[in-house]
């Protein structure tokens, strides 16, 4: 609201100064900064009828303020307004997208916590397997978007257990053949539950396919080899490793060494051999 720029900003109008040092709007403290013999055209930078700032074009005096010169300066002001306005619009969109993404992720984590409490699990299991899976993904040099889908899929890997009855899900002993068959429906239930959610489309393969096996003996689809989505192949190793090294109601945790030997023995059977190799290469990064 002061000096030449302030006057132009407040009025929203172009101002011509044949000699800047003699312009009555110039405030005294700015006078030493202005060289003598300098003319100026000051134009408002406007976007959608809102003044965003001021654009100055200063030229050696004396100067003839022709219509063409003034229009030239005003053109720069207009372009600046358009560019700045669009930048602000894009920033606002990105901020909105960021807030939406945060809301989505908080919702996913809430689901995972609820499932963990119901399944006698802790949310720490989900955090651990997510960390392992992402470390494998980074070692495979997956792009940022794919890693994000892997993370979301990992958080929701057991969401299908919502459809499993409590007397089976919370059973402290090993399952009967019939109970095991019911438990194996949880990936398909996850698919039906999450399929309508557009932003989870690429992440859905983790909760749906992480019980498939490289040799085709997994479930629910009996997929084999590279027909199993990559994210599910990655997560499968993370999930099995953490399950083996964690206490369960019906058994004690396996030692780290025994769990690793099991994973090594299942290369080309349960697990993708390439991902097994990557897993053994990142062990130092996943230890607590």
C-alpha atoms as a PDB file:
ATOM      1  CA  UNK A   1       0.000   0.000   0.000  1.00  0.00           C
ATOM      2  CA  UNK A   2       2.979   2.351  -0.369  1.00  0.00           C
ATOM      3  CA  UNK A   3       5.324   3.739  -2.997  1.00  0.00           C
ATOM      4  CA  UNK A   4       4.753   3.364  -6.749  1.00  0.00           C
ATOM      5  CA  UNK A   5       4.105  -0.372  -6.619  1.00  0.00           C
ATOM      6  CA  UNK A   6       1.614   0.089  -3.801  1.00  0.00           C
ATOM      7  CA  UNK A   7      -0.272   2.760  -5.745  1.00  0.00           C
ATOM      8  CA  UNK A   8      -0.534   0.534  -8.828  1.00  0.00           C
ATOM      9  CA  UNK A   9      -1.530  -2.471  -6.710  1.00  0.00           C
ATOM     10  CA  UNK A  10      -4.297  -0.498  -4.993  1.00  0.00           C
ATOM     11  CA  UNK A  11      -5.662   1.153  -8.129  1.00  0.00           C
ATOM     12  CA  UNK A  12      -5.227  -1.742 -10.527  1.00  0.00           C
ATOM     13  CA  UNK A  13      -4.177   0.730 -13.219  1.00  0.00           C
ATOM     14  CA  UNK A  14      -1.051   1.287 -15.318  1.00  0.00           C
ATOM     15  CA  UNK A  15       1.190   4.174 -14.128  1.00  0.00           C
ATOM     16  CA  UNK A  16       3.692   6.087 -16.269  1.00  0.00           C
ATOM     17  CA  UNK A  17       6.687   7.744 -14.602  1.00  0.00           C
ATOM     18  CA  UNK A  18       8.759   9.900 -17.016  1.00  0.00           C
ATOM     19  CA  UNK A  19      11.361  10.224 -14.233  1.00  0.00           C
ATOM     20  CA  UNK A  20      11.015   7.726 -11.393  1.00  0.00           C
ATOM     21  CA  UNK A  21      12.890   9.856  -8.875  1.00  0.00           C
ATOM     22  CA  UNK A  22      10.324  12.636  -9.394  1.00  0.00           C
ATOM     23  CA  UNK A  23       7.226  10.473  -9.091  1.00  0.00           C
ATOM     24  CA  UNK A  24       5.201  11.766  -6.086  1.00  0.00           C
ATOM     25  CA  UNK A  25       4.326   8.199  -5.035  1.00  0.00           C
ATOM     26  CA  UNK A  26       7.995   7.294  -4.495  1.00  0.00           C
ATOM     27  CA  UNK A  27       8.730   7.070  -0.754  1.00  0.00           C
ATOM     28  CA  UNK A  28      11.919   8.774   0.523  1.00  0.00           C
ATOM     29  CA  UNK A  29      13.676   5.606   1.712  1.00  0.00           C
ATOM     30  CA  UNK A  30      13.579   4.221  -1.829  1.00  0.00           C
ATOM     31  CA  UNK A  31      15.063   7.312  -3.437  1.00  0.00           C
ATOM     32  CA  UNK A  32      18.738   6.245  -2.994  1.00  0.00           C
ATOM     33  CA  UNK A  33      17.978   2.980  -4.785  1.00  0.00           C
ATOM     34  CA  UNK A  34      16.756   4.690  -7.965  1.00  0.00           C
ATOM     35  CA  UNK A  35      19.328   5.828 -10.563  1.00  0.00           C
ATOM     36  CA  UNK A  36      18.757   9.215 -12.191  1.00  0.00           C
ATOM     37  CA  UNK A  37      17.520   9.501 -15.760  1.00  0.00           C
ATOM     38  CA  UNK A  38      15.255   6.462 -15.472  1.00  0.00           C
ATOM     39  CA  UNK A  39      11.658   6.304 -16.748  1.00  0.00           C
ATOM     40  CA  UNK A  40       9.193   3.584 -15.762  1.00  0.00           C
ATOM     41  CA  UNK A  41       5.992   1.898 -16.860  1.00  0.00           C
ATOM     42  CA  UNK A  42       4.259   0.082 -14.009  1.00  0.00           C
ATOM     43  CA  UNK A  43       1.388  -2.276 -14.810  1.00  0.00           C
ATOM     44  CA  UNK A  44      -0.795  -4.404 -12.529  1.00  0.00           C
ATOM     45  CA  UNK A  45      -0.433  -8.180 -12.747  1.00  0.00           C
ATOM     46  CA  UNK A  46      -4.043  -9.377 -12.851  1.00  0.00           C
ATOM     47  CA  UNK A  47      -5.661 -12.798 -12.925  1.00  0.00           C
ATOM     48  CA  UNK A  48      -9.438 -13.181 -13.033  1.00  0.00           C
ATOM     49  CA  UNK A  49      -9.964  -9.546 -11.954  1.00  0.00           C
ATOM     50  CA  UNK A  50      -7.666  -9.940  -8.943  1.00  0.00           C
ATOM     51  CA  UNK A  51      -4.455  -7.917  -8.695  1.00  0.00           C
ATOM     52  CA  UNK A  52      -1.647 -10.308  -7.788  1.00  0.00           C
ATOM     53  CA  UNK A  53       1.283  -7.928  -8.047  1.00  0.00           C
ATOM     54  CA  UNK A  54       2.987  -5.253 -10.152  1.00  0.00           C
ATOM     55  CA  UNK A  55       5.218  -5.541 -13.227  1.00  0.00           C
ATOM     56  CA  UNK A  56       7.714  -2.724 -13.922  1.00  0.00           C
ATOM     57  CA  UNK A  57       9.497  -1.915 -17.145  1.00  0.00           C
ATOM     58  CA  UNK A  58      12.167   0.726 -16.525  1.00  0.00           C
ATOM     59  CA  UNK A  59      13.924   2.448 -19.432  1.00  0.00           C
ATOM     60  CA  UNK A  60      16.491   5.214 -19.734  1.00  0.00           C
ATOM     61  CA  UNK A  61      14.871   8.684 -19.843  1.00  0.00           C
ATOM     62  CA  UNK A  62      13.847  10.769 -21.643  1.00  0.00           C
ATOM     63  CA  UNK A  63      11.223   8.458 -23.029  1.00  0.00           C
ATOM     64  CA  UNK A  64       8.233   8.792 -25.315  1.00  0.00           C
ATOM     65  CA  UNK A  65       5.386   6.718 -23.860  1.00  0.00           C
ATOM     66  CA  UNK A  66       3.923   5.549 -27.133  1.00  0.00           C
ATOM     67  CA  UNK A  67       0.749   3.492 -27.238  1.00  0.00           C
ATOM     68  CA  UNK A  68       2.747   0.537 -28.590  1.00  0.00           C
ATOM     69  CA  UNK A  69       5.258   0.659 -25.727  1.00  0.00           C
ATOM     70  CA  UNK A  70       2.551   0.856 -23.058  1.00  0.00           C
ATOM     71  CA  UNK A  71       0.662  -2.042 -24.627  1.00  0.00           C
ATOM     72  CA  UNK A  72       3.923  -3.999 -24.760  1.00  0.00           C
ATOM     73  CA  UNK A  73       4.428  -3.542 -21.006  1.00  0.00           C
ATOM     74  CA  UNK A  74       0.783  -4.361 -20.269  1.00  0.00           C
ATOM     75  CA  UNK A  75       1.146  -7.541 -22.315  1.00  0.00           C
ATOM     76  CA  UNK A  76       3.915  -8.683 -19.961  1.00  0.00           C
ATOM     77  CA  UNK A  77       1.683  -7.881 -17.000  1.00  0.00           C
ATOM     78  CA  UNK A  78      -1.169  -9.903 -18.475  1.00  0.00           C
ATOM     79  CA  UNK A  79       1.037 -12.893 -19.264  1.00  0.00           C
ATOM     80  CA  UNK A  80       2.550 -12.772 -15.804  1.00  0.00           C
ATOM     81  CA  UNK A  81      -0.932 -12.784 -14.283  1.00  0.00           C
ATOM     82  CA  UNK A  82      -1.995 -15.773 -16.354  1.00  0.00           C
ATOM     83  CA  UNK A  83       1.150 -17.739 -15.481  1.00  0.00           C
ATOM     84  CA  UNK A  84       1.046 -16.937 -11.774  1.00  0.00           C
ATOM     85  CA  UNK A  85      -2.683 -17.624 -11.633  1.00  0.00           C
ATOM     86  CA  UNK A  86      -2.240 -21.011 -13.255  1.00  0.00           C
ATOM     87  CA  UNK A  87       0.669 -21.853 -10.966  1.00  0.00           C
ATOM     88  CA  UNK A  88      -1.486 -21.022  -7.947  1.00  0.00           C
ATOM     89  CA  UNK A  89      -4.316 -23.110  -9.386  1.00  0.00           C
ATOM     90  CA  UNK A  90      -2.015 -26.093  -9.892  1.00  0.00           C
ATOM     91  CA  UNK A  91      -0.629 -25.670  -6.377  1.00  0.00           C
ATOM     92  CA  UNK A  92      -4.154 -25.623  -4.981  1.00  0.00           C
ATOM     93  CA  UNK A  93      -5.006 -28.773  -6.926  1.00  0.00           C
ATOM     94  CA  UNK A  94      -1.870 -30.522  -5.678  1.00  0.00           C
ATOM     95  CA  UNK A  95      -2.627 -29.499  -2.115  1.00  0.00           C
ATOM     96  CA  UNK A  96      -6.180 -30.791  -2.480  1.00  0.00           C
ATOM     97  CA  UNK A  97      -4.881 -34.047  -3.946  1.00  0.00           C
ATOM     98  CA  UNK A  98      -2.389 -34.308  -1.090  1.00  0.00           C
ATOM     99  CA  UNK A  99      -5.157 -33.821   1.470  1.00  0.00           C
ATOM    100  CA  UNK A 100      -7.344 -36.397  -0.272  1.00  0.00           C
ATOM    101  CA  UNK A 101      -4.436 -38.860  -0.377  1.00  0.00           C
ATOM    102  CA  UNK A 102      -3.793 -38.306   3.328  1.00  0.00           C
ATOM    103  CA  UNK A 103      -7.461 -38.903   4.105  1.00  0.00           C
ATOM    104  CA  UNK A 104      -7.439 -42.085   2.014  1.00  0.00           C
ATOM    105  CA  UNK A 105      -4.308 -43.396   3.711  1.00  0.00           C
ATOM    106  CA  UNK A 106      -5.612 -42.643   7.186  1.00  0.00           C
ATOM    107  CA  UNK A 107      -8.777 -44.543   6.303  1.00  0.00           C
ATOM    108  CA  UNK A 108      -6.771 -47.523   5.044  1.00  0.00           C
ATOM    109  CA  UNK A 109      -4.694 -47.592   8.211  1.00  0.00           C
ATOM    110  CA  UNK A 110      -7.892 -47.443  10.264  1.00  0.00           C
ATOM    111  CA  UNK A 111      -9.206 -50.494   8.420  1.00  0.00           C
ATOM    112  CA  UNK A 112      -5.932 -52.323   8.983  1.00  0.00           C
ATOM    113  CA  UNK A 113      -5.970 -51.552  12.714  1.00  0.00           C
ATOM    114  CA  UNK A 114      -9.562 -52.780  13.032  1.00  0.00           C
ATOM    115  CA  UNK A 115      -8.737 -56.012  11.187  1.00  0.00           C
ATOM    116  CA  UNK A 116      -5.654 -56.549  13.358  1.00  0.00           C
ATOM    117  CA  UNK A 117      -7.599 -56.189  16.583  1.00  0.00           C
ATOM    118  CA  UNK A 118     -10.222 -58.659  15.373  1.00  0.00           C
ATOM    119  CA  UNK A 119      -7.624 -61.182  14.202  1.00  0.00           C
ATOM    120  CA  UNK A 120      -5.629 -61.188  17.461  1.00  0.00           C
ATOM    121  CA  UNK A 121      -2.933 -59.337  15.564  1.00  0.00           C
ATOM    122  CA  UNK A 122      -1.328 -55.981  16.185  1.00  0.00           C
ATOM    123  CA  UNK A 123      -0.963 -53.163  13.712  1.00  0.00           C
ATOM    124  CA  UNK A 124       2.783 -53.663  14.107  1.00  0.00           C
ATOM    125  CA  UNK A 125       2.511 -56.756  11.875  1.00  0.00           C
ATOM    126  CA  UNK A 126       1.108 -54.613   9.076  1.00  0.00           C
ATOM    127  CA  UNK A 127       3.830 -52.011   9.574  1.00  0.00           C
ATOM    128  CA  UNK A 128       6.555 -54.662   9.467  1.00  0.00           C
ATOM    129  CA  UNK A 129       5.363 -56.432   6.326  1.00  0.00           C
ATOM    130  CA  UNK A 130       4.809 -53.086   4.609  1.00  0.00           C
ATOM    131  CA  UNK A 131       8.379 -52.044   5.405  1.00  0.00           C
ATOM    132  CA  UNK A 132       9.813 -55.319   4.116  1.00  0.00           C
ATOM    133  CA  UNK A 133       7.750 -55.241   0.933  1.00  0.00           C
ATOM    134  CA  UNK A 134       8.695 -51.628   0.170  1.00  0.00           C
ATOM    135  CA  UNK A 135      12.383 -52.349   0.767  1.00  0.00           C
ATOM    136  CA  UNK A 136      12.188 -55.193  -1.750  1.00  0.00           C
ATOM    137  CA  UNK A 137      10.323 -52.910  -4.164  1.00  0.00           C
ATOM    138  CA  UNK A 138      12.948 -50.204  -3.857  1.00  0.00           C
ATOM    139  CA  UNK A 139      15.689 -52.763  -4.503  1.00  0.00           C
ATOM    140  CA  UNK A 140      13.810 -53.738  -7.661  1.00  0.00           C
ATOM    141  CA  UNK A 141      13.765 -50.023  -8.589  1.00  0.00           C
ATOM    142  CA  UNK A 142      10.012 -49.780  -8.845  1.00  0.00           C
ATOM    143  CA  UNK A 143       8.749 -46.299  -9.656  1.00  0.00           C
ATOM    144  CA  UNK A 144       7.102 -44.094  -7.045  1.00  0.00           C
ATOM    145  CA  UNK A 145       3.546 -44.796  -8.168  1.00  0.00           C
ATOM    146  CA  UNK A 146       4.087 -48.566  -8.124  1.00  0.00           C
ATOM    147  CA  UNK A 147       5.651 -48.378  -4.658  1.00  0.00           C
ATOM    148  CA  UNK A 148       2.626 -46.422  -3.473  1.00  0.00           C
ATOM    149  CA  UNK A 149       0.327 -49.152  -4.791  1.00  0.00           C
ATOM    150  CA  UNK A 150       2.491 -51.759  -3.058  1.00  0.00           C
ATOM    151  CA  UNK A 151       2.252 -49.832   0.215  1.00  0.00           C
ATOM    152  CA  UNK A 152      -1.519 -49.520   0.032  1.00  0.00           C
ATOM    153  CA  UNK A 153      -1.911 -53.154  -0.914  1.00  0.00           C
ATOM    154  CA  UNK A 154       0.321 -54.196   1.976  1.00  0.00           C
ATOM    155  CA  UNK A 155      -1.724 -52.168   4.457  1.00  0.00           C
ATOM    156  CA  UNK A 156      -4.901 -53.870   3.226  1.00  0.00           C
ATOM    157  CA  UNK A 157      -3.489 -57.351   2.643  1.00  0.00           C
ATOM    158  CA  UNK A 158      -5.819 -58.995   5.165  1.00  0.00           C
ATOM    159  CA  UNK A 159      -8.893 -56.805   4.666  1.00  0.00           C
ATOM    160  CA  UNK A 160     -10.784 -59.859   3.360  1.00  0.00           C
ATOM    161  CA  UNK A 161     -10.740 -61.330   6.851  1.00  0.00           C
ATOM    162  CA  UNK A 162     -13.657 -59.026   7.582  1.00  0.00           C
ATOM    163  CA  UNK A 163     -15.750 -61.756   5.980  1.00  0.00           C
ATOM    164  CA  UNK A 164     -14.419 -64.614   8.144  1.00  0.00           C
ATOM    165  CA  UNK A 165     -16.515 -65.664  11.201  1.00  0.00           C
ATOM    166  CA  UNK A 166     -15.020 -64.922  14.613  1.00  0.00           C
ATOM    167  CA  UNK A 167     -15.056 -68.563  15.725  1.00  0.00           C
ATOM    168  CA  UNK A 168     -12.596 -69.325  12.914  1.00  0.00           C
ATOM    169  CA  UNK A 169     -10.651 -66.083  12.743  1.00  0.00           C
ATOM    170  CA  UNK A 170      -9.952 -65.963  16.486  1.00  0.00           C
ATOM    171  CA  UNK A 171      -9.414 -69.698  16.975  1.00  0.00           C
ATOM    172  CA  UNK A 172      -6.308 -70.280  19.152  1.00  0.00           C
ATOM    173  CA  UNK A 173      -5.552 -73.648  17.564  1.00  0.00           C
ATOM    174  CA  UNK A 174      -4.752 -74.898  14.069  1.00  0.00           C
ATOM    175  CA  UNK A 175      -7.680 -74.937  11.636  1.00  0.00           C
ATOM    176  CA  UNK A 176      -9.594 -78.031  10.588  1.00  0.00           C
ATOM    177  CA  UNK A 177      -9.781 -78.809   6.861  1.00  0.00           C
ATOM    178  CA  UNK A 178     -13.208 -77.162   6.641  1.00  0.00           C
ATOM    179  CA  UNK A 179     -12.096 -74.093   8.605  1.00  0.00           C
ATOM    180  CA  UNK A 180      -9.016 -73.761   6.420  1.00  0.00           C
ATOM    181  CA  UNK A 181     -11.255 -73.815   3.349  1.00  0.00           C
ATOM    182  CA  UNK A 182     -13.356 -70.986   4.769  1.00  0.00           C
ATOM    183  CA  UNK A 183     -10.262 -68.985   5.739  1.00  0.00           C
ATOM    184  CA  UNK A 184      -9.003 -69.289   2.168  1.00  0.00           C
ATOM    185  CA  UNK A 185     -11.985 -67.291   0.940  1.00  0.00           C
ATOM    186  CA  UNK A 186     -10.589 -64.063   2.384  1.00  0.00           C
ATOM    187  CA  UNK A 187      -8.609 -62.999  -0.746  1.00  0.00           C
ATOM    188  CA  UNK A 188     -11.742 -63.320  -2.896  1.00  0.00           C
ATOM    189  CA  UNK A 189     -13.740 -61.394  -0.310  1.00  0.00           C
ATOM    190  CA  UNK A 190     -11.074 -58.661  -0.390  1.00  0.00           C
ATOM    191  CA  UNK A 191     -11.409 -58.510  -4.175  1.00  0.00           C
ATOM    192  CA  UNK A 192     -15.176 -58.038  -4.021  1.00  0.00           C
ATOM    193  CA  UNK A 193     -14.849 -55.499  -1.225  1.00  0.00           C
ATOM    194  CA  UNK A 194     -12.178 -53.327  -2.843  1.00  0.00           C
ATOM    195  CA  UNK A 195     -12.945 -53.726  -6.556  1.00  0.00           C
ATOM    196  CA  UNK A 196     -15.405 -50.776  -6.688  1.00  0.00           C
ATOM    197  CA  UNK A 197     -12.816 -48.367  -5.192  1.00  0.00           C
ATOM    198  CA  UNK A 198     -11.079 -46.757  -8.172  1.00  0.00           C
ATOM    199  CA  UNK A 199      -7.976 -45.434  -6.409  1.00  0.00           C
ATOM    200  CA  UNK A 200      -7.192 -48.941  -5.094  1.00  0.00           C
ATOM    201  CA  UNK A 201      -7.404 -50.576  -8.523  1.00  0.00           C
ATOM    202  CA  UNK A 202      -3.645 -51.123  -8.895  1.00  0.00           C
ATOM    203  CA  UNK A 203      -3.153 -52.024  -5.218  1.00  0.00           C
ATOM    204  CA  UNK A 204      -5.916 -54.635  -5.196  1.00  0.00           C
ATOM    205  CA  UNK A 205      -3.604 -57.368  -6.511  1.00  0.00           C
ATOM    206  CA  UNK A 206      -1.839 -57.591  -3.136  1.00  0.00           C
ATOM    207  CA  UNK A 207      -4.809 -58.568  -0.946  1.00  0.00           C
ATOM    208  CA  UNK A 208      -6.248 -60.644  -3.801  1.00  0.00           C
ATOM    209  CA  UNK A 209      -3.143 -62.546  -4.954  1.00  0.00           C
ATOM    210  CA  UNK A 210      -0.635 -62.692  -2.086  1.00  0.00           C
ATOM    211  CA  UNK A 211      -1.516 -66.342  -1.335  1.00  0.00           C
ATOM    212  CA  UNK A 212      -0.766 -67.472  -4.881  1.00  0.00           C
ATOM    213  CA  UNK A 213       2.362 -69.618  -5.292  1.00  0.00           C
ATOM    214  CA  UNK A 214       5.072 -69.586  -7.950  1.00  0.00           C
ATOM    215  CA  UNK A 215       4.413 -73.293  -8.641  1.00  0.00           C
ATOM    216  CA  UNK A 216       0.669 -72.721  -9.160  1.00  0.00           C
ATOM    217  CA  UNK A 217      -0.432 -74.456  -5.949  1.00  0.00           C
ATOM    218  CA  UNK A 218      -1.678 -71.306  -4.230  1.00  0.00           C
ATOM    219  CA  UNK A 219      -5.142 -69.765  -3.979  1.00  0.00           C
ATOM    220  CA  UNK A 220      -7.684 -68.400  -4.832  1.00  0.00           C
ATOM    221  CA  UNK A 221      -6.942 -68.570  -8.585  1.00  0.00           C
ATOM    222  CA  UNK A 222      -4.070 -71.054  -8.772  1.00  0.00           C
ATOM    223  CA  UNK A 223      -1.926 -68.595 -10.726  1.00  0.00           C
ATOM    224  CA  UNK A 224       1.580 -69.705 -11.663  1.00  0.00           C
ATOM    225  CA  UNK A 225       4.925 -67.969 -12.217  1.00  0.00           C
ATOM    226  CA  UNK A 226       4.798 -64.504 -13.728  1.00  0.00           C
ATOM    227  CA  UNK A 227       1.030 -64.749 -14.131  1.00  0.00           C
ATOM    228  CA  UNK A 228       1.017 -63.741 -10.470  1.00  0.00           C
ATOM    229  CA  UNK A 229       1.145 -59.920 -10.297  1.00  0.00           C
ATOM    230  CA  UNK A 230       4.581 -58.600  -9.323  1.00  0.00           C
ATOM    231  CA  UNK A 231       3.342 -56.713  -6.264  1.00  0.00           C
ATOM    232  CA  UNK A 232       1.748 -59.888  -4.902  1.00  0.00           C
ATOM    233  CA  UNK A 233       4.958 -61.852  -5.494  1.00  0.00           C
ATOM    234  CA  UNK A 234       6.916 -59.233  -3.583  1.00  0.00           C
ATOM    235  CA  UNK A 235       4.479 -59.077  -0.707  1.00  0.00           C
ATOM    236  CA  UNK A 236       4.199 -62.855  -0.399  1.00  0.00           C
ATOM    237  CA  UNK A 237       7.789 -63.172   0.835  1.00  0.00           C
ATOM    238  CA  UNK A 238       7.401 -60.252   3.256  1.00  0.00           C
ATOM    239  CA  UNK A 239       4.207 -61.712   4.698  1.00  0.00           C
ATOM    240  CA  UNK A 240       5.514 -65.271   5.098  1.00  0.00           C
ATOM    241  CA  UNK A 241       8.790 -64.114   6.655  1.00  0.00           C
ATOM    242  CA  UNK A 242       7.039 -61.953   9.241  1.00  0.00           C
ATOM    243  CA  UNK A 243       4.449 -64.637   9.985  1.00  0.00           C
ATOM    244  CA  UNK A 244       7.170 -67.230  10.626  1.00  0.00           C
ATOM    245  CA  UNK A 245       9.196 -64.944  12.880  1.00  0.00           C
ATOM    246  CA  UNK A 246       6.172 -63.838  14.952  1.00  0.00           C
ATOM    247  CA  UNK A 247       4.400 -65.677  17.760  1.00  0.00           C
ATOM    248  CA  UNK A 248       0.994 -67.135  16.943  1.00  0.00           C
ATOM    249  CA  UNK A 249      -1.638 -68.489  19.392  1.00  0.00           C
ATOM    250  CA  UNK A 250      -0.950 -72.027  18.153  1.00  0.00           C
ATOM    251  CA  UNK A 251       2.889 -71.866  17.853  1.00  0.00           C
ATOM    252  CA  UNK A 252       5.996 -69.950  18.883  1.00  0.00           C
ATOM    253  CA  UNK A 253       7.937 -67.766  16.455  1.00  0.00           C
ATOM    254  CA  UNK A 254      10.608 -69.399  14.321  1.00  0.00           C
ATOM    255  CA  UNK A 255      14.145 -68.116  14.625  1.00  0.00           C
ATOM    256  CA  UNK A 256      15.422 -65.727  11.994  1.00  0.00           C
ATOM    257  CA  UNK A 257      17.796 -68.367  10.645  1.00  0.00           C
ATOM    258  CA  UNK A 258      15.154 -71.102  10.354  1.00  0.00           C
ATOM    259  CA  UNK A 259      12.765 -68.692   8.611  1.00  0.00           C
ATOM    260  CA  UNK A 260      15.443 -67.721   6.092  1.00  0.00           C
ATOM    261  CA  UNK A 261      16.247 -71.341   5.389  1.00  0.00           C
ATOM    262  CA  UNK A 262      12.565 -72.030   4.741  1.00  0.00           C
ATOM    263  CA  UNK A 263      12.320 -69.124   2.299  1.00  0.00           C
ATOM    264  CA  UNK A 264      15.479 -70.292   0.525  1.00  0.00           C
ATOM    265  CA  UNK A 265      14.044 -73.801   0.224  1.00  0.00           C
ATOM    266  CA  UNK A 266      10.832 -72.412  -1.278  1.00  0.00           C
ATOM    267  CA  UNK A 267      12.554 -70.467  -4.068  1.00  0.00           C
ATOM    268  CA  UNK A 268      10.921 -71.611  -7.304  1.00  0.00           C
ATOM    269  CA  UNK A 269       8.143 -73.342  -5.363  1.00  0.00           C
ATOM    270  CA  UNK A 270       6.269 -70.873  -3.192  1.00  0.00           C
ATOM    271  CA  UNK A 271       8.265 -67.800  -4.184  1.00  0.00           C
ATOM    272  CA  UNK A 272       9.609 -66.077  -7.287  1.00  0.00           C
ATOM    273  CA  UNK A 273      13.354 -66.999  -7.361  1.00  0.00           C
ATOM    274  CA  UNK A 274      14.384 -63.505  -8.471  1.00  0.00           C
ATOM    275  CA  UNK A 275      12.556 -61.873  -5.587  1.00  0.00           C
ATOM    276  CA  UNK A 276      14.012 -64.392  -3.139  1.00  0.00           C
ATOM    277  CA  UNK A 277      17.479 -63.278  -4.283  1.00  0.00           C
ATOM    278  CA  UNK A 278      16.534 -59.631  -3.799  1.00  0.00           C
ATOM    279  CA  UNK A 279      15.080 -60.407  -0.357  1.00  0.00           C
ATOM    280  CA  UNK A 280      18.352 -61.934   0.817  1.00  0.00           C
ATOM    281  CA  UNK A 281      20.140 -58.848  -0.452  1.00  0.00           C
ATOM    282  CA  UNK A 282      18.125 -56.439   1.723  1.00  0.00           C
ATOM    283  CA  UNK A 283      18.080 -58.322   5.038  1.00  0.00           C
ATOM    284  CA  UNK A 284      20.319 -55.750   6.735  1.00  0.00           C
ATOM    285  CA  UNK A 285      17.757 -53.031   5.922  1.00  0.00           C
ATOM    286  CA  UNK A 286      14.740 -54.735   7.468  1.00  0.00           C
ATOM    287  CA  UNK A 287      16.178 -55.804  10.808  1.00  0.00           C
ATOM    288  CA  UNK A 288      14.871 -53.757  13.724  1.00  0.00           C
END
